[in-house]
N, C-alpha and C. Protein backbone atom coordinates (compact mmCIF):
# COMPACT_ATOMS: atom_id res chain seq x y z
N MET A 1 0.86 -1.15 0.00
CA MET A 1 0.00 0.00 0.00
C MET A 1 0.91 1.22 0.00
N ASN A 2 0.67 2.14 -0.92
CA ASN A 2 1.53 3.32 -0.96
C ASN A 2 1.11 4.33 0.10
N SER A 3 1.95 5.32 0.32
CA SER A 3 1.70 6.25 1.42
C SER A 3 0.46 7.10 1.19
N GLY A 4 0.12 7.39 -0.09
CA GLY A 4 -1.08 8.17 -0.37
C GLY A 4 -2.34 7.42 0.03
N THR A 5 -2.37 6.15 -0.26
CA THR A 5 -3.53 5.33 0.10
C THR A 5 -3.63 5.21 1.62
N TRP A 6 -2.48 5.04 2.26
CA TRP A 6 -2.48 4.94 3.72
C TRP A 6 -3.02 6.21 4.36
N GLY A 7 -2.60 7.34 3.86
CA GLY A 7 -3.07 8.61 4.40
C GLY A 7 -4.57 8.77 4.23
N ARG A 8 -5.08 8.38 3.05
CA ARG A 8 -6.53 8.48 2.82
C ARG A 8 -7.30 7.56 3.75
N SER A 9 -6.80 6.34 3.96
CA SER A 9 -7.52 5.40 4.83
C SER A 9 -7.53 5.90 6.26
N VAL A 10 -6.46 6.55 6.69
CA VAL A 10 -6.43 7.10 8.04
C VAL A 10 -7.43 8.23 8.16
N ARG A 11 -7.48 9.09 7.14
CA ARG A 11 -8.43 10.20 7.19
C ARG A 11 -9.86 9.69 7.18
N ILE A 12 -10.13 8.66 6.40
CA ILE A 12 -11.50 8.12 6.35
C ILE A 12 -11.87 7.52 7.70
N SER A 13 -10.95 6.76 8.31
CA SER A 13 -11.28 6.16 9.61
C SER A 13 -11.46 7.24 10.66
N ASP A 14 -10.68 8.34 10.56
CA ASP A 14 -10.88 9.45 11.50
C ASP A 14 -12.25 10.07 11.32
N ARG A 15 -12.67 10.21 10.07
CA ARG A 15 -14.00 10.78 9.81
C ARG A 15 -15.09 9.86 10.33
N LEU A 16 -14.91 8.56 10.15
CA LEU A 16 -15.91 7.62 10.64
C LEU A 16 -15.98 7.68 12.16
N GLY A 17 -14.82 7.75 12.80
CA GLY A 17 -14.81 7.86 14.25
C GLY A 17 -15.50 9.13 14.71
N ALA A 18 -15.26 10.22 14.00
CA ALA A 18 -15.91 11.49 14.35
C ALA A 18 -17.41 11.40 14.12
N ALA A 19 -17.81 10.70 13.07
CA ALA A 19 -19.24 10.55 12.78
C ALA A 19 -19.93 9.75 13.89
N HIS A 20 -19.26 8.70 14.35
CA HIS A 20 -19.85 7.92 15.44
C HIS A 20 -19.94 8.75 16.72
N GLN A 21 -18.91 9.55 16.97
CA GLN A 21 -18.92 10.41 18.15
C GLN A 21 -20.03 11.44 18.04
N ALA A 22 -20.19 12.05 16.85
CA ALA A 22 -21.25 13.05 16.66
C ALA A 22 -22.62 12.41 16.83
N GLU A 23 -22.77 11.20 16.31
CA GLU A 23 -24.05 10.50 16.45
C GLU A 23 -24.35 10.22 17.92
N ALA A 24 -23.33 9.83 18.66
CA ALA A 24 -23.52 9.56 20.09
C ALA A 24 -23.90 10.83 20.83
N GLU A 25 -23.33 11.97 20.41
CA GLU A 25 -23.65 13.23 21.07
C GLU A 25 -25.06 13.68 20.73
N VAL A 26 -25.51 13.41 19.51
CA VAL A 26 -26.86 13.82 19.09
C VAL A 26 -27.90 13.05 19.87
N ARG A 27 -27.64 11.77 20.07
CA ARG A 27 -28.61 10.97 20.81
C ARG A 27 -28.65 11.43 22.26
N ASP A 28 -29.76 11.24 22.87
CA ASP A 28 -29.91 11.64 24.26
C ASP A 28 -28.99 10.86 25.18
N GLY A 29 -28.77 9.60 24.81
CA GLY A 29 -28.02 8.75 25.70
C GLY A 29 -28.89 8.31 26.87
N THR A 30 -30.17 8.18 26.60
CA THR A 30 -31.09 7.80 27.67
C THR A 30 -30.81 6.38 28.11
N ASP A 31 -31.31 6.06 29.27
CA ASP A 31 -31.12 4.72 29.79
C ASP A 31 -31.78 3.68 28.90
N ASP A 32 -32.91 4.04 28.28
CA ASP A 32 -33.60 3.10 27.40
C ASP A 32 -32.72 2.72 26.22
N ASP A 33 -32.03 3.70 25.65
CA ASP A 33 -31.14 3.40 24.52
C ASP A 33 -30.00 2.49 24.95
N ARG A 34 -29.42 2.80 26.09
CA ARG A 34 -28.31 1.97 26.58
C ARG A 34 -28.78 0.55 26.90
N GLU A 35 -29.94 0.44 27.52
CA GLU A 35 -30.47 -0.88 27.85
C GLU A 35 -30.76 -1.69 26.58
N LEU A 36 -31.31 -1.01 25.58
CA LEU A 36 -31.60 -1.70 24.32
C LEU A 36 -30.31 -2.16 23.66
N GLU A 37 -29.30 -1.32 23.68
CA GLU A 37 -28.02 -1.70 23.07
C GLU A 37 -27.40 -2.86 23.83
N GLN A 38 -27.44 -2.82 25.16
CA GLN A 38 -26.91 -3.93 25.95
C GLN A 38 -27.69 -5.21 25.71
N TRP A 39 -29.00 -5.09 25.55
CA TRP A 39 -29.83 -6.26 25.29
C TRP A 39 -29.42 -6.91 23.97
N HIS A 40 -29.23 -6.06 22.94
CA HIS A 40 -28.81 -6.59 21.63
C HIS A 40 -27.45 -7.26 21.73
N GLN A 41 -26.53 -6.62 22.43
CA GLN A 41 -25.19 -7.20 22.55
C GLN A 41 -25.22 -8.52 23.30
N SER A 42 -25.99 -8.59 24.39
CA SER A 42 -26.04 -9.83 25.15
C SER A 42 -26.70 -10.95 24.34
N HIS A 43 -27.71 -10.62 23.56
CA HIS A 43 -28.37 -11.65 22.76
C HIS A 43 -27.49 -12.09 21.60
N LEU A 44 -26.69 -11.17 21.06
CA LEU A 44 -25.74 -11.58 20.03
C LEU A 44 -24.71 -12.54 20.62
N GLY A 45 -24.27 -12.25 21.84
CA GLY A 45 -23.34 -13.16 22.51
C GLY A 45 -23.98 -14.51 22.76
N ASN A 46 -25.23 -14.51 23.19
CA ASN A 46 -25.93 -15.77 23.42
C ASN A 46 -26.07 -16.57 22.14
N LEU A 47 -26.37 -15.89 21.05
CA LEU A 47 -26.50 -16.58 19.77
C LEU A 47 -25.16 -17.14 19.32
N ALA A 48 -24.09 -16.41 19.58
CA ALA A 48 -22.76 -16.91 19.22
C ALA A 48 -22.44 -18.17 20.01
N TYR A 49 -22.71 -18.15 21.33
CA TYR A 49 -22.47 -19.35 22.14
C TYR A 49 -23.34 -20.51 21.67
N LEU A 50 -24.58 -20.22 21.32
CA LEU A 50 -25.47 -21.27 20.83
C LEU A 50 -24.95 -21.86 19.53
N ALA A 51 -24.49 -21.02 18.63
CA ALA A 51 -23.94 -21.51 17.36
C ALA A 51 -22.72 -22.39 17.60
N ILE A 52 -21.84 -21.98 18.49
CA ILE A 52 -20.66 -22.78 18.80
C ILE A 52 -21.07 -24.11 19.41
N PHE A 53 -22.04 -24.09 20.31
CA PHE A 53 -22.53 -25.32 20.94
C PHE A 53 -23.09 -26.28 19.89
N VAL A 54 -23.86 -25.75 18.95
CA VAL A 54 -24.46 -26.59 17.90
C VAL A 54 -23.36 -27.22 17.04
N VAL A 55 -22.36 -26.44 16.67
CA VAL A 55 -21.28 -26.97 15.84
C VAL A 55 -20.51 -28.06 16.59
N VAL A 56 -20.20 -27.82 17.85
CA VAL A 56 -19.46 -28.82 18.63
C VAL A 56 -20.30 -30.09 18.80
N THR A 57 -21.60 -29.93 19.03
CA THR A 57 -22.48 -31.08 19.18
C THR A 57 -22.54 -31.90 17.89
N LEU A 58 -22.68 -31.22 16.77
CA LEU A 58 -22.73 -31.94 15.49
C LEU A 58 -21.44 -32.69 15.22
N VAL A 59 -20.31 -32.06 15.47
CA VAL A 59 -19.02 -32.72 15.24
C VAL A 59 -18.89 -33.94 16.15
N THR A 60 -19.31 -33.79 17.40
CA THR A 60 -19.23 -34.90 18.34
C THR A 60 -20.12 -36.05 17.90
N VAL A 61 -21.33 -35.75 17.52
CA VAL A 61 -22.26 -36.80 17.09
C VAL A 61 -21.74 -37.48 15.83
N LEU A 62 -21.29 -36.69 14.87
CA LEU A 62 -20.79 -37.29 13.63
C LEU A 62 -19.53 -38.11 13.85
N ALA A 63 -18.78 -37.80 14.88
CA ALA A 63 -17.55 -38.55 15.15
C ALA A 63 -17.83 -39.83 15.93
N PHE A 64 -18.74 -39.80 16.90
CA PHE A 64 -18.88 -40.93 17.80
C PHE A 64 -20.04 -41.87 17.50
N VAL A 65 -21.07 -41.42 16.84
CA VAL A 65 -22.21 -42.31 16.55
C VAL A 65 -21.80 -43.46 15.63
N PRO A 66 -21.05 -43.23 14.56
CA PRO A 66 -20.65 -44.39 13.74
C PRO A 66 -19.81 -45.41 14.52
N VAL A 67 -18.94 -44.92 15.40
CA VAL A 67 -18.12 -45.83 16.21
C VAL A 67 -19.03 -46.63 17.14
N TRP A 68 -19.98 -45.97 17.76
CA TRP A 68 -20.91 -46.64 18.67
C TRP A 68 -21.71 -47.71 17.91
N LEU A 69 -22.16 -47.38 16.70
CA LEU A 69 -22.91 -48.35 15.90
C LEU A 69 -22.06 -49.56 15.55
N LEU A 70 -20.80 -49.35 15.21
CA LEU A 70 -19.91 -50.47 14.92
C LEU A 70 -19.72 -51.36 16.14
N VAL A 71 -19.56 -50.77 17.31
CA VAL A 71 -19.40 -51.55 18.53
C VAL A 71 -20.67 -52.36 18.81
N GLN A 72 -21.83 -51.75 18.61
CA GLN A 72 -23.09 -52.46 18.83
C GLN A 72 -23.24 -53.62 17.84
N ALA A 73 -22.86 -53.40 16.59
CA ALA A 73 -22.94 -54.47 15.59
C ALA A 73 -21.98 -55.61 15.95
N GLN A 74 -20.79 -55.26 16.43
CA GLN A 74 -19.82 -56.28 16.83
C GLN A 74 -20.36 -57.10 18.01
N ARG A 75 -20.96 -56.43 18.98
CA ARG A 75 -21.54 -57.14 20.12
C ARG A 75 -22.67 -58.07 19.68
N ALA A 76 -23.50 -57.58 18.74
CA ALA A 76 -24.61 -58.41 18.25
C ALA A 76 -24.07 -59.65 17.54
N LEU A 77 -23.03 -59.49 16.74
CA LEU A 77 -22.44 -60.64 16.04
C LEU A 77 -21.83 -61.63 17.03
N GLU A 78 -21.17 -61.12 18.07
CA GLU A 78 -20.62 -62.02 19.08
C GLU A 78 -21.73 -62.78 19.79
N HIS A 79 -22.82 -62.07 20.08
CA HIS A 79 -23.96 -62.72 20.74
C HIS A 79 -24.55 -63.81 19.86
N LEU A 80 -24.76 -63.49 18.58
CA LEU A 80 -25.29 -64.50 17.65
C LEU A 80 -24.33 -65.67 17.49
N GLY A 81 -23.05 -65.37 17.42
CA GLY A 81 -22.06 -66.45 17.32
C GLY A 81 -22.10 -67.35 18.54
N GLY A 82 -22.28 -66.78 19.70
CA GLY A 82 -22.40 -67.57 20.94
C GLY A 82 -23.63 -68.44 20.92
N LEU A 83 -24.75 -67.91 20.42
CA LEU A 83 -25.97 -68.70 20.35
C LEU A 83 -25.80 -69.89 19.40
N PHE A 84 -25.20 -69.66 18.24
CA PHE A 84 -25.02 -70.74 17.28
C PHE A 84 -24.05 -71.79 17.80
N SER A 85 -23.03 -71.37 18.51
CA SER A 85 -22.06 -72.36 19.00
C SER A 85 -22.69 -73.20 20.12
N ARG A 86 -23.54 -72.61 20.97
CA ARG A 86 -24.23 -73.38 22.02
C ARG A 86 -25.19 -74.38 21.40
N GLN A 87 -25.91 -73.94 20.37
CA GLN A 87 -26.86 -74.86 19.72
C GLN A 87 -26.13 -76.02 19.07
N GLY A 88 -25.00 -75.74 18.47
CA GLY A 88 -24.22 -76.82 17.85
C GLY A 88 -23.71 -77.81 18.87
N ARG A 89 -23.27 -77.33 20.02
CA ARG A 89 -22.79 -78.23 21.08
C ARG A 89 -23.93 -79.06 21.66
N GLN A 90 -25.11 -78.43 21.83
CA GLN A 90 -26.25 -79.16 22.38
C GLN A 90 -26.71 -80.25 21.41
N ARG A 91 -26.73 -79.98 20.15
CA ARG A 91 -27.14 -80.99 19.15
C ARG A 91 -26.15 -82.15 19.14
N GLY A 92 -24.89 -81.84 19.27
CA GLY A 92 -23.86 -82.87 19.28
C GLY A 92 -24.00 -83.76 20.49
N ARG A 93 -24.40 -83.24 21.64
CA ARG A 93 -24.57 -84.01 22.85
C ARG A 93 -25.71 -85.00 22.73
N PHE A 94 -26.81 -84.57 22.09
CA PHE A 94 -27.96 -85.45 21.96
C PHE A 94 -27.66 -86.62 21.01
N ARG A 95 -26.80 -86.44 20.08
CA ARG A 95 -26.49 -87.51 19.11
C ARG A 95 -25.61 -88.58 19.74
N ASP A 96 -24.83 -88.24 20.72
CA ASP A 96 -23.90 -89.22 21.31
C ASP A 96 -24.58 -90.24 22.14
């Protein structure tokens, strides 16, 4: 960025800062305005925390549910294998 552009950007940001200050001075600064602004800020923070919570929950579910399903399937196969092996042993005993 050349020095001319830098100077213009500084002047623009100074003007914006002055505009915000002038706007703040024009407003009454009543308690209602401050309360409303704080309410908006707190709700934006709450929404940000909620969004982060949702993302973390989705990542956790997508990471662990498939693993849990595989473990359940493995347990079911072991259980079925145990049933078939018991039945085979019992049939063999009756034949002897």
